[in-house]
Amino acid sequence: MMIRFMLVGFLLLFTKLAWAHGEVSIDTTINSIMGPIASTAVSIIFYSVTFLGVQIPLIVIWLAVASVFFTFYFNFVNFRSFFHALRLVRGDYVDSSAEGEVTHFQALATALSGTVGLGNIAGVAVAISHGGPGATFWMIVVGLFGMSAKFLECTLGVKYRNENPDGSISGGPMYYLSKGLAKHDMCGFGKFLAALFSICLIGASLGGGNMFQVNQAYQQIVSVTGGDSSFFADKAWLFGVIVAVLVGLATIGGIKRIAQITEVLVPLMGGIYLLSALIIIFLHIDQVPAAFTTIISQAFSPEGVEGGVLGVMIQGLRRGTFSSEAGVGTSAIAHSAVRTKEPITEGMVALHEPFIDTVVICTATALVIVITGAYTHQEVGGVQLTSMAFGTVIDWFPYLLAIAVIVFALSTILAYSYYIVKASTYLFGESSRNELIFRLIFCGFTIVGATLKLGAVIDISDAMFFSMAIVNIIGLYLLAPEIKQDLICYKRRLRSGGIKPSTSFFRKREMKCKG
C-alpha cells in the first residue's frame, strides 16, 4: 500500500510541476529534483567493470548471457521452430473458440511497435560510430540468441495471464512472476518481483516509452519543416496536444484498437523503410560482398576501435540487446492478449520479433551505412548518420526518414500506453476507472514530453527500463523448466497429429495426400 501511495504521489507531483511552470523552469525544476536520483539509479543499473581496458556494463552481460543460456536450454528453439512459427503468424493454426483479444499477427505487430523504431534507425548508427562496422555482426548474433529469451517470456505471458469477466486479457511479467512463482512455493518473493517490475514499467513507459518518443518526433518535424522558421518551432505544446489526442483516441478501444492500428502502421512503415534500404543495396549490389567482408573482418580484427575486438563486441551487444528488448519482458504484455489455447504457440510467434527488429532491419540499415561509406564520417552519429547514408543515394530520403521516425515514435507510444495501463491495473486493481486515470496521466506526459529538454528524466526512465530486465530474468530462470516440459509436450502432439492446421489450404493438402 505504501508503494502505491508513493507512486501516485510522484506522478501527481511531477504533473503539478509540469503545469505550474513555464518551459524553462520546468526543465530546471525537474532536473534539479530528478538529477541526484537519476545519477544514483544510472550508476547502479549501468554499473560497469573494466576488463582488458574496456568498460563492460554488467546489465548488457546479464541480458546477453540469459539469451545464450536459454538458446541452449531449449535446444535451439529459435532456429528449430522458426518455420512453424511462420505458419502460426499467418493463421494456419487458428482456434476460434480460444480466449483472447487479438490474432497472432496483431500481437506480433503490437509488440514490434514497441521495439521497432529509433533503436533501429539511430541505434545501428551509434553502434557503428563507436564500434565500427564489425559491431553489426555482434548485433546480429545477440538478435539471434535473443529470440530464445523472447520465446520463453511470451510463452509465460500467455500461460499465466488473467482472463477478465469482460473478456479482456491482462498478462505479462507481473502475472507470471506472482502466479508462476507461487506454484513453486515462492509466493511472497514472486509478488515482490511483480510489484517492482510494475513500478519500473510505469516509470519507463512515461519516460522512454512516451516523453522521449514524442520529443524526438517533434525535433524531426521542426527539422524538416524549416528549423527555427517552422510553424511548430515555438509550438511544442501544440504538437504534444495533437499526439496526445491521437493516442487518447487510439487507446479508447484497448488492445484491440491498438492492434488494429499497429498491424497497419508497423508493416507499412517498416516495409517502406526496408524497401528504401533494398533499393540502395540493389543499386550497389556489386559492393554487397565487400560490405559483408568488412563487417565480418572488423568484428574480429577492428581498426582504430578502442578496446579492439572486445570493444567492438560490447558495442554490438549493447545496441543489440537494447534494440530487441529480449529479456526485458515488455513484449510479453502485448503477446499475452493473443487468441489461443496453446501458450507455446505465442512464444514461437514471438521468435520473429528480435529477428525482424534486430537481424533484418538493423542489418539493412548497417549495410546502407557501410556501402555508402557514411561510417567514415566520424563527426556524424545517430539518426543523422543514417539520414546522410540514405541521402547520398536518395536525396529526398531525409523527409521520408522524418516521417518514419514520427510513425515509429507514435507506434511505440501506443504500445507503452497499453503497457502502463496493465502495470497500473496490476498494482491498483482491474477497473475502468484506474485504466482511465493512467491513460489521462500518460497523455498528459505526452504533452509535457514535447516541450521539455528531458535530461535526467530519460536517465532515470532508462534505469527503470533495464531494472525490469534484472527482475524479469530472475523469474525466467526459475520458471524455464516448466516451459521446457510444455515445449516437449507440444512438439510431441504436433508430430502425432494431436495439433492440426486449421486453414483450408493445409486441410485440402492433407486430405489429398491421404486420398
Protein backbone atom coordinates (compact mmCIF):
# COMPACT_ATOMS: atom_id res chain seq x y z
CA MET A 1 0.00 0.00 0.00
CA MET A 2 2.84 2.39 0.88
CA ILE A 3 4.45 1.75 -2.52
CA ARG A 4 1.21 2.66 -4.26
CA PHE A 5 0.84 5.95 -2.38
CA MET A 6 4.48 6.84 -3.14
CA LEU A 7 3.98 6.09 -6.84
CA VAL A 8 0.79 8.16 -7.12
CA GLY A 9 2.44 10.97 -5.14
CA PHE A 10 5.40 11.03 -7.52
CA LEU A 11 3.11 11.19 -10.58
CA LEU A 12 0.94 13.96 -9.10
CA LEU A 13 3.99 15.99 -8.05
CA PHE A 14 5.56 15.71 -11.48
CA THR A 15 2.30 16.65 -13.24
CA LYS A 16 1.82 19.64 -10.92
CA LEU A 17 5.34 20.87 -11.63
CA ALA A 18 4.75 20.49 -15.35
CA TRP A 19 1.65 22.65 -15.38
CA ALA A 20 2.76 25.17 -12.76
CA HIS A 21 5.83 26.48 -14.56
CA GLY A 22 6.92 27.78 -17.93
CA GLU A 23 9.09 25.67 -20.23
CA VAL A 24 12.49 26.77 -18.90
CA SER A 25 11.50 26.48 -15.26
CA ILE A 26 10.05 23.03 -15.91
CA ASP A 27 13.40 21.83 -17.24
CA THR A 28 15.29 23.40 -14.39
CA THR A 29 12.91 22.21 -11.69
CA ILE A 30 12.65 18.67 -12.95
CA ASN A 31 16.38 18.26 -13.47
CA SER A 32 17.14 19.68 -10.03
CA ILE A 33 14.75 17.20 -8.42
CA MET A 34 15.45 14.18 -10.61
CA GLY A 35 19.17 14.77 -11.21
CA PRO A 36 20.52 13.23 -7.98
CA ILE A 37 18.02 10.35 -8.21
CA ALA A 38 18.92 9.72 -11.84
CA SER A 39 22.66 9.77 -11.15
CA THR A 40 22.30 7.21 -8.38
CA ALA A 41 19.99 4.96 -10.41
CA VAL A 42 22.20 5.07 -13.50
CA SER A 43 25.36 4.34 -11.50
CA ILE A 44 23.71 1.22 -10.05
CA ILE A 45 21.83 -0.18 -13.06
CA PHE A 46 24.55 0.61 -15.60
CA TYR A 47 27.46 -0.31 -13.35
CA SER A 48 30.46 -1.23 -15.47
CA VAL A 49 33.61 -3.21 -14.82
CA THR A 50 36.88 -2.72 -16.65
CA PHE A 51 38.23 -5.74 -18.49
CA LEU A 52 41.24 -5.51 -20.80
CA GLY A 53 40.81 -1.75 -20.81
CA VAL A 54 37.14 -1.91 -21.90
CA GLN A 55 34.19 -0.70 -19.82
CA ILE A 56 31.65 -3.55 -19.75
CA PRO A 57 28.13 -2.72 -18.45
CA LEU A 58 27.00 -5.67 -16.35
CA ILE A 59 23.37 -5.24 -17.41
CA VAL A 60 24.38 -5.97 -21.02
CA ILE A 61 26.17 -9.15 -19.94
CA TRP A 62 23.14 -10.10 -17.80
CA LEU A 63 20.86 -9.89 -20.83
CA ALA A 64 23.26 -11.47 -23.32
CA VAL A 65 24.17 -14.43 -21.09
CA ALA A 66 20.49 -15.16 -20.43
CA SER A 67 19.73 -15.21 -24.17
CA VAL A 68 22.61 -17.61 -24.86
CA PHE A 69 21.66 -19.85 -21.92
CA PHE A 70 18.00 -20.14 -22.98
CA THR A 71 19.01 -20.91 -26.57
CA PHE A 72 20.96 -23.98 -25.43
CA TYR A 73 18.44 -24.87 -22.70
CA PHE A 74 15.57 -25.02 -25.19
CA ASN A 75 17.64 -26.91 -27.76
CA PHE A 76 17.85 -24.03 -30.24
CA VAL A 77 14.10 -23.40 -30.39
CA ASN A 78 14.89 -20.09 -32.13
CA PHE A 79 16.01 -21.98 -35.25
CA ARG A 80 14.18 -25.31 -35.00
CA SER A 81 10.72 -23.69 -34.64
CA PHE A 82 11.27 -20.75 -36.98
CA PHE A 83 9.20 -22.03 -39.91
CA HIS A 84 6.45 -23.48 -37.75
CA ALA A 85 6.20 -20.00 -36.19
CA LEU A 86 5.68 -18.54 -39.69
CA ARG A 87 2.65 -20.77 -40.15
CA LEU A 88 1.30 -19.64 -36.80
CA VAL A 89 1.70 -15.97 -37.74
CA ARG A 90 -0.22 -16.36 -40.99
CA GLY A 91 -3.06 -18.14 -39.16
CA ASP A 92 -2.60 -21.79 -40.12
CA TYR A 93 -3.48 -22.94 -36.58
CA VAL A 94 -6.46 -20.78 -35.61
CA ASP A 95 -8.86 -21.82 -32.85
CA SER A 96 -11.88 -19.51 -32.97
CA SER A 97 -13.10 -20.82 -29.59
CA ALA A 98 -9.92 -19.77 -27.77
CA GLU A 99 -9.88 -16.94 -25.22
CA GLY A 100 -8.08 -13.77 -26.18
CA GLU A 101 -8.47 -10.40 -27.89
CA VAL A 102 -6.12 -10.36 -30.90
CA THR A 103 -4.64 -12.66 -33.54
CA HIS A 104 -1.07 -13.95 -33.56
CA PHE A 105 -0.17 -11.39 -36.22
CA GLN A 106 -1.79 -8.49 -34.34
CA ALA A 107 0.01 -9.45 -31.13
CA LEU A 108 3.32 -9.58 -33.01
CA ALA A 109 2.64 -6.20 -34.67
CA THR A 110 1.76 -4.57 -31.33
CA ALA A 111 4.90 -5.93 -29.66
CA LEU A 112 7.03 -4.87 -32.64
CA SER A 113 5.57 -1.37 -32.43
CA GLY A 114 7.25 -1.05 -29.04
CA THR A 115 10.67 -2.21 -30.27
CA VAL A 116 10.97 -1.18 -33.93
CA GLY A 117 11.88 2.47 -34.13
CA LEU A 118 14.66 4.83 -33.16
CA GLY A 119 16.73 1.93 -31.85
CA ASN A 120 16.91 0.52 -35.37
CA ILE A 121 17.37 3.80 -37.19
CA ALA A 122 19.71 5.57 -34.79
CA GLY A 123 20.96 2.66 -32.64
CA VAL A 124 22.75 0.94 -35.51
CA ALA A 125 24.47 4.19 -36.43
CA VAL A 126 25.56 4.66 -32.82
CA ALA A 127 26.99 1.14 -32.69
CA ILE A 128 28.93 1.63 -35.94
CA SER A 129 30.13 5.11 -34.91
CA HIS A 130 31.63 3.73 -31.70
CA GLY A 131 32.49 0.17 -32.66
CA GLY A 132 32.98 0.32 -36.42
CA PRO A 133 31.16 -1.86 -38.99
CA GLY A 134 32.07 -5.00 -37.02
CA ALA A 135 29.56 -4.06 -34.31
CA THR A 136 26.85 -5.06 -36.79
CA PHE A 137 27.97 -8.69 -36.63
CA TRP A 138 27.57 -8.81 -32.87
CA MET A 139 24.18 -7.10 -33.10
CA ILE A 140 23.03 -9.90 -35.40
CA VAL A 141 24.42 -12.53 -33.03
CA VAL A 142 22.66 -11.11 -29.98
CA GLY A 143 19.45 -10.77 -32.00
CA LEU A 144 19.50 -14.43 -32.98
CA PHE A 145 20.13 -15.59 -29.41
CA GLY A 146 17.58 -13.11 -28.07
CA MET A 147 14.86 -14.98 -29.95
CA SER A 148 15.02 -17.73 -27.31
CA ALA A 149 14.55 -15.36 -24.37
CA LYS A 150 11.61 -13.79 -26.19
CA PHE A 151 10.11 -17.26 -26.72
CA LEU A 152 10.27 -18.01 -23.00
CA GLU A 153 8.86 -14.76 -21.65
CA CYS A 154 5.99 -14.60 -24.16
CA THR A 155 5.02 -18.23 -23.54
CA LEU A 156 4.89 -17.47 -19.82
CA GLY A 157 2.86 -14.33 -20.54
CA VAL A 158 0.08 -16.38 -22.14
CA LYS A 159 0.27 -19.26 -19.67
CA TYR A 160 -0.24 -17.10 -16.57
CA ARG A 161 -2.45 -14.35 -17.99
CA ASN A 162 -5.72 -13.27 -16.35
CA GLU A 163 -8.93 -13.59 -18.35
CA ASN A 164 -11.18 -10.83 -17.01
CA PRO A 165 -15.01 -11.09 -16.78
CA ASP A 166 -15.45 -8.57 -19.62
CA GLY A 167 -13.35 -10.72 -21.95
CA SER A 168 -10.25 -8.55 -21.77
CA ILE A 169 -6.84 -10.03 -21.03
CA SER A 170 -4.16 -8.95 -18.56
CA GLY A 171 -0.77 -10.57 -18.75
CA GLY A 172 2.96 -10.05 -18.68
CA PRO A 173 5.84 -10.48 -16.22
CA MET A 174 3.86 -9.13 -13.26
CA TYR A 175 1.42 -12.02 -13.63
CA TYR A 176 3.81 -14.88 -14.34
CA LEU A 177 6.17 -13.66 -11.62
CA SER A 178 3.41 -13.61 -9.00
CA LYS A 179 1.32 -16.60 -10.14
CA GLY A 180 4.15 -18.72 -11.54
CA LEU A 181 6.48 -18.42 -8.58
CA ALA A 182 3.55 -19.02 -6.20
CA LYS A 183 3.28 -22.51 -7.72
CA HIS A 184 6.86 -23.11 -6.63
CA ASP A 185 6.30 -22.01 -3.02
CA MET A 186 7.76 -18.52 -3.63
CA CYS A 187 4.55 -16.52 -3.32
CA GLY A 188 5.96 -13.58 -1.35
CA PHE A 189 9.08 -13.33 -3.49
CA GLY A 190 7.00 -13.50 -6.66
CA LYS A 191 4.65 -10.73 -5.55
CA PHE A 192 7.60 -8.53 -4.60
CA LEU A 193 9.23 -9.01 -8.02
CA ALA A 194 5.91 -8.40 -9.78
CA ALA A 195 5.26 -5.14 -7.91
CA LEU A 196 8.83 -3.94 -8.52
CA PHE A 197 8.52 -4.78 -12.22
CA SER A 198 5.23 -2.87 -12.48
CA ILE A 199 6.63 0.26 -10.82
CA CYS A 200 9.68 0.24 -13.10
CA LEU A 201 7.45 -0.29 -16.14
CA ILE A 202 5.31 2.72 -15.24
CA GLY A 203 8.41 4.91 -14.94
CA ALA A 204 9.91 3.57 -18.17
CA SER A 205 6.60 3.99 -20.02
CA LEU A 206 6.23 7.64 -19.05
CA GLY A 207 9.87 8.44 -19.87
CA GLY A 208 11.48 6.41 -22.64
CA GLY A 209 8.24 4.95 -23.98
CA ASN A 210 6.42 8.27 -24.16
CA MET A 211 8.23 11.55 -23.42
CA PHE A 212 11.42 10.64 -25.28
CA GLN A 213 9.48 9.40 -28.31
CA VAL A 214 7.25 12.48 -28.68
CA ASN A 215 10.25 14.74 -28.04
CA GLN A 216 12.28 13.15 -30.84
CA ALA A 217 9.30 13.18 -33.20
CA TYR A 218 8.83 16.89 -32.50
CA GLN A 219 12.51 17.59 -33.20
CA GLN A 220 12.24 15.77 -36.54
CA ILE A 221 9.11 17.72 -37.52
CA VAL A 222 10.81 21.03 -36.79
CA SER A 223 13.99 19.93 -38.60
CA VAL A 224 12.31 19.05 -41.92
CA THR A 225 9.79 21.92 -41.93
CA GLY A 226 12.17 24.83 -41.72
CA GLY A 227 14.00 24.65 -38.41
CA ASP A 228 13.60 27.89 -36.45
CA SER A 229 11.18 29.19 -39.08
CA SER A 230 8.96 26.11 -38.81
CA PHE A 231 5.33 26.59 -37.81
CA PHE A 232 5.92 24.24 -34.85
CA ALA A 233 9.24 25.85 -33.81
CA ASP A 234 7.64 27.68 -30.89
CA LYS A 235 4.58 25.43 -30.56
CA ALA A 236 5.92 22.27 -28.99
CA TRP A 237 2.90 22.20 -26.69
CA LEU A 238 0.57 22.13 -29.71
CA PHE A 239 2.44 19.20 -31.25
CA GLY A 240 2.23 17.43 -27.89
CA VAL A 241 -1.53 18.07 -27.69
CA ILE A 242 -2.05 16.67 -31.21
CA VAL A 243 -0.11 13.49 -30.40
CA ALA A 244 -1.86 13.17 -27.02
CA VAL A 245 -5.29 13.42 -28.67
CA LEU A 246 -4.33 10.81 -31.28
CA VAL A 247 -3.03 8.48 -28.58
CA GLY A 248 -6.15 9.04 -26.47
CA LEU A 249 -8.46 8.23 -29.37
CA ALA A 250 -6.41 5.19 -30.37
CA THR A 251 -6.38 3.70 -26.88
CA ILE A 252 -10.11 4.03 -26.12
CA GLY A 253 -10.69 0.56 -27.52
CA GLY A 254 -7.81 -1.00 -25.56
CA ILE A 255 -5.54 -3.62 -27.09
CA LYS A 256 -7.97 -4.40 -29.92
CA ARG A 257 -7.88 -0.84 -31.22
CA ILE A 258 -4.12 -0.56 -30.72
CA ALA A 259 -3.58 -3.87 -32.51
CA GLN A 260 -5.74 -2.76 -35.45
CA ILE A 261 -3.63 0.37 -35.83
CA THR A 262 -0.21 -1.21 -35.31
CA GLU A 263 -0.92 -4.11 -37.69
CA VAL A 264 -1.16 -1.44 -40.40
CA LEU A 265 1.43 1.09 -39.20
CA VAL A 266 4.29 -1.28 -38.39
CA PRO A 267 4.29 -3.34 -41.62
CA LEU A 268 3.65 -0.24 -43.74
CA MET A 269 6.38 1.95 -42.28
CA GLY A 270 8.76 -0.95 -41.78
CA GLY A 271 8.13 -2.03 -45.37
CA ILE A 272 8.77 1.45 -46.77
CA TYR A 273 11.96 1.78 -44.74
CA LEU A 274 13.21 -1.66 -45.81
CA LEU A 275 12.26 -1.02 -49.43
CA SER A 276 14.33 2.18 -49.40
CA ALA A 277 17.26 0.26 -47.95
CA LEU A 278 16.90 -2.54 -50.51
CA ILE A 279 16.83 -0.03 -53.37
CA ILE A 280 20.15 1.40 -52.22
CA ILE A 281 21.59 -2.08 -51.68
CA PHE A 282 20.41 -3.17 -55.16
CA LEU A 283 21.95 -0.07 -56.77
CA HIS A 284 25.24 -1.05 -55.09
CA ILE A 285 24.80 -4.81 -55.43
CA ASP A 286 28.37 -5.27 -56.58
CA GLN A 287 29.57 -3.78 -53.27
CA VAL A 288 27.47 -6.02 -51.01
CA PRO A 289 30.06 -8.86 -50.75
CA ALA A 290 32.74 -6.32 -49.82
CA ALA A 291 30.41 -4.77 -47.25
CA PHE A 292 29.80 -8.14 -45.58
CA THR A 293 33.52 -8.84 -45.68
CA THR A 294 34.17 -5.52 -43.96
CA ILE A 295 31.54 -6.22 -41.29
CA ILE A 296 32.85 -9.72 -40.51
CA SER A 297 36.55 -8.83 -40.66
CA GLN A 298 36.02 -5.74 -38.50
CA ALA A 299 34.14 -7.87 -35.95
CA PHE A 300 37.33 -9.83 -35.24
CA SER A 301 40.11 -7.54 -36.47
CA PRO A 302 38.90 -3.97 -35.89
CA GLU A 303 40.95 -1.00 -36.92
CA GLY A 304 41.08 2.12 -34.79
CA VAL A 305 38.44 0.98 -32.30
CA GLU A 306 39.25 1.46 -28.64
CA GLY A 307 39.30 -1.88 -26.86
CA GLY A 308 39.88 -3.91 -30.02
CA VAL A 309 37.68 -6.97 -30.58
CA LEU A 310 36.20 -6.74 -27.09
CA GLY A 311 35.29 -3.08 -27.62
CA VAL A 312 33.51 -3.89 -30.89
CA MET A 313 31.71 -6.83 -29.30
CA ILE A 314 30.44 -4.76 -26.36
CA GLN A 315 29.10 -2.05 -28.68
CA GLY A 316 27.28 -4.65 -30.77
CA LEU A 317 25.90 -6.50 -27.74
CA ARG A 318 24.78 -3.25 -26.11
CA ARG A 319 22.86 -1.93 -29.12
CA GLY A 320 21.53 -5.40 -30.00
CA THR A 321 20.11 -6.09 -26.54
CA PHE A 322 18.74 -2.55 -26.28
CA SER A 323 17.09 -2.85 -29.70
CA SER A 324 15.34 -6.22 -29.33
CA GLU A 325 14.36 -5.85 -25.64
CA ALA A 326 14.69 -9.63 -25.33
CA GLY A 327 14.64 -10.47 -21.64
CA VAL A 328 13.15 -7.12 -20.58
CA GLY A 329 9.63 -8.58 -20.52
CA THR A 330 7.60 -5.75 -22.08
CA SER A 331 6.65 -7.68 -25.22
CA ALA A 332 5.07 -10.44 -23.12
CA ILE A 333 2.35 -7.96 -22.12
CA ALA A 334 1.22 -7.48 -25.73
CA HIS A 335 1.61 -11.15 -26.66
CA SER A 336 -0.49 -12.20 -23.64
CA ALA A 337 -3.65 -10.86 -25.32
CA VAL A 338 -3.43 -13.37 -28.19
CA ARG A 339 -6.36 -15.64 -29.04
CA THR A 340 -5.00 -19.13 -28.32
CA LYS A 341 -5.29 -22.14 -26.04
CA GLU A 342 -1.63 -23.06 -26.54
CA PRO A 343 0.82 -20.74 -24.74
CA ILE A 344 3.75 -22.32 -26.61
CA THR A 345 2.39 -21.08 -29.94
CA GLU A 346 2.67 -17.43 -28.94
CA GLY A 347 6.18 -17.98 -27.66
CA MET A 348 7.05 -19.30 -31.11
CA VAL A 349 5.39 -16.34 -32.82
CA ALA A 350 7.44 -14.02 -30.60
CA LEU A 351 10.62 -15.62 -32.00
CA HIS A 352 10.21 -13.43 -35.06
CA GLU A 353 10.28 -10.20 -33.09
CA PRO A 354 14.06 -9.99 -32.45
CA PHE A 355 14.66 -11.46 -35.90
CA ILE A 356 12.67 -8.73 -37.66
CA ASP A 357 13.76 -5.97 -35.33
CA THR A 358 17.45 -6.67 -34.83
CA VAL A 359 18.52 -9.06 -37.58
CA VAL A 360 16.57 -7.82 -40.63
CA ILE A 361 16.03 -4.09 -40.08
CA CYS A 362 19.31 -3.41 -38.27
CA THR A 363 21.31 -5.36 -40.86
CA ALA A 364 19.66 -3.46 -43.73
CA THR A 365 20.49 -0.16 -42.02
CA ALA A 366 24.08 -1.23 -41.39
CA LEU A 367 24.58 -2.35 -45.00
CA VAL A 368 23.45 1.04 -46.30
CA ILE A 369 25.78 2.86 -43.90
CA VAL A 370 28.73 0.65 -44.86
CA ILE A 371 28.05 0.52 -48.62
CA THR A 372 27.74 4.29 -48.93
CA GLY A 373 30.87 4.82 -46.83
CA ALA A 374 28.96 7.10 -44.46
CA TYR A 375 30.52 5.35 -41.45
CA THR A 376 33.86 7.01 -42.27
CA HIS A 377 32.40 10.38 -41.24
CA GLN A 378 33.33 10.27 -37.58
CA GLU A 379 31.84 13.70 -36.90
CA VAL A 380 28.30 12.43 -37.58
CA GLY A 381 26.38 9.96 -35.45
CA GLY A 382 22.94 8.69 -34.54
CA VAL A 383 19.96 9.31 -36.79
CA GLN A 384 21.93 11.98 -38.69
CA LEU A 385 24.39 9.32 -39.86
CA THR A 386 21.58 7.08 -41.09
CA SER A 387 19.92 10.03 -42.82
CA MET A 388 23.18 11.02 -44.52
CA ALA A 389 23.81 7.44 -45.70
CA PHE A 390 20.40 7.17 -47.34
CA GLY A 391 20.54 10.75 -48.60
CA THR A 392 23.69 10.09 -50.64
CA VAL A 393 21.58 7.94 -53.00
CA ILE A 394 18.02 9.19 -52.43
CA ASP A 395 18.18 12.96 -51.89
CA TRP A 396 14.60 13.14 -50.63
CA PHE A 397 15.06 10.31 -48.12
CA PRO A 398 15.65 12.59 -45.08
CA TYR A 399 12.00 13.64 -45.43
CA LEU A 400 10.88 10.01 -45.58
CA LEU A 401 13.09 9.25 -42.59
CA ALA A 402 11.44 12.07 -40.66
CA ILE A 403 8.04 10.52 -41.37
CA ALA A 404 9.38 7.11 -40.37
CA VAL A 405 10.70 8.47 -37.07
CA ILE A 406 7.33 10.08 -36.33
CA VAL A 407 5.33 6.97 -37.20
CA PHE A 408 7.68 4.68 -35.27
CA ALA A 409 7.55 7.06 -32.31
CA LEU A 410 3.73 7.09 -32.42
CA SER A 411 3.52 3.30 -32.62
CA THR A 412 5.93 2.98 -29.68
CA ILE A 413 3.84 5.43 -27.65
CA LEU A 414 0.71 3.37 -28.42
CA ALA A 415 2.40 0.18 -27.25
CA TYR A 416 3.56 1.75 -24.00
CA SER A 417 0.14 3.32 -23.39
CA TYR A 418 -1.11 -0.26 -23.18
CA TYR A 419 1.81 -1.42 -21.05
CA ILE A 420 1.34 1.33 -18.45
CA VAL A 421 -2.36 0.53 -18.13
CA LYS A 422 -1.61 -3.14 -17.48
CA ALA A 423 1.11 -2.27 -14.96
CA SER A 424 -1.18 0.16 -13.14
CA THR A 425 -4.17 -2.19 -13.04
CA TYR A 426 -1.93 -4.91 -11.59
CA LEU A 427 -0.93 -2.56 -8.76
CA PHE A 428 -4.28 -0.83 -8.20
CA GLY A 429 -6.80 -3.41 -9.39
CA GLU A 430 -8.69 -4.09 -12.62
CA SER A 431 -11.22 -1.31 -13.16
CA SER A 432 -12.18 1.07 -15.94
CA ARG A 433 -11.60 3.96 -13.52
CA ASN A 434 -7.96 3.00 -12.91
CA GLU A 435 -7.40 2.50 -16.64
CA LEU A 436 -8.85 5.93 -17.42
CA ILE A 437 -6.75 7.67 -14.77
CA PHE A 438 -3.48 6.26 -16.11
CA ARG A 439 -4.46 6.89 -19.72
CA LEU A 440 -5.02 10.55 -18.83
CA ILE A 441 -1.73 10.71 -16.92
CA PHE A 442 0.04 9.10 -19.88
CA CYS A 443 -1.46 11.59 -22.36
CA GLY A 444 -0.55 14.47 -20.02
CA PHE A 445 3.07 13.34 -20.03
CA THR A 446 2.93 13.22 -23.85
CA ILE A 447 2.25 16.96 -23.90
CA VAL A 448 4.97 17.66 -21.33
CA GLY A 449 7.47 15.47 -23.20
CA ALA A 450 7.18 17.53 -26.39
CA THR A 451 8.08 20.73 -24.55
CA LEU A 452 10.93 19.54 -22.33
CA LYS A 453 14.64 19.12 -22.64
CA LEU A 454 14.36 15.76 -20.96
CA GLY A 455 17.75 15.38 -19.29
CA ALA A 456 17.53 13.45 -16.04
CA VAL A 457 14.01 12.19 -16.76
CA ILE A 458 15.33 9.99 -19.57
CA ASP A 459 18.26 8.82 -17.44
CA ILE A 460 16.00 7.57 -14.69
CA SER A 461 13.48 6.06 -17.14
CA ASP A 462 16.34 4.16 -18.82
CA ALA A 463 17.42 2.90 -15.42
CA MET A 464 13.87 1.76 -14.69
CA PHE A 465 13.66 0.13 -18.11
CA PHE A 466 16.68 -2.06 -17.53
CA SER A 467 15.69 -2.69 -13.92
CA MET A 468 12.81 -4.63 -15.46
CA ALA A 469 15.37 -6.90 -17.14
CA ILE A 470 17.02 -7.73 -13.83
CA VAL A 471 13.67 -8.61 -12.23
CA ASN A 472 12.28 -10.43 -15.26
CA ILE A 473 15.28 -12.65 -15.98
CA ILE A 474 15.36 -13.87 -12.36
CA GLY A 475 11.82 -15.13 -12.95
CA LEU A 476 12.72 -16.61 -16.34
CA TYR A 477 15.49 -18.74 -14.85
CA LEU A 478 13.15 -20.03 -12.14
CA LEU A 479 10.24 -20.80 -14.50
CA ALA A 480 12.17 -22.11 -17.52
CA PRO A 481 11.98 -25.83 -16.50
CA GLU A 482 8.18 -25.97 -16.69
CA ILE A 483 8.15 -24.28 -20.11
CA LYS A 484 10.71 -26.80 -21.35
CA GLN A 485 8.29 -29.60 -20.42
CA ASP A 486 5.43 -27.73 -22.12
CA LEU A 487 7.53 -27.39 -25.28
CA ILE A 488 8.34 -31.11 -25.34
CA CYS A 489 4.65 -31.93 -24.89
CA TYR A 490 3.58 -29.51 -27.63
CA LYS A 491 6.05 -30.92 -30.16
CA ARG A 492 5.01 -34.46 -29.31
CA ARG A 493 1.35 -33.63 -30.01
CA LEU A 494 2.32 -31.77 -33.19
CA ARG A 495 4.19 -34.82 -34.52
CA SER A 496 1.43 -37.26 -33.57
CA GLY A 497 -1.30 -35.20 -35.24
CA GLY A 498 -2.88 -34.07 -31.99
CA ILE A 499 -2.44 -30.49 -33.21
CA LYS A 500 -3.58 -29.92 -36.78
CA PRO A 501 -3.61 -26.89 -39.08
CA SER A 502 -6.95 -25.15 -39.38
CA THR A 503 -6.70 -23.37 -42.73
CA SER A 504 -8.48 -24.78 -45.76
CA PHE A 505 -5.29 -24.85 -47.83
CA PHE A 506 -3.47 -27.23 -45.50
CA ARG A 507 -6.61 -29.25 -44.78
CA LYS A 508 -7.12 -29.85 -48.51
CA ARG A 509 -3.46 -30.74 -48.98
CA GLU A 510 -3.62 -33.26 -46.12
CA MET A 511 -6.83 -34.80 -47.49
CA LYS A 512 -5.28 -35.03 -50.96
CA CYS A 513 -2.21 -36.78 -49.53
CA LYS A 514 -4.40 -39.25 -47.64
CA GLY A 515 -6.50 -39.86 -50.75
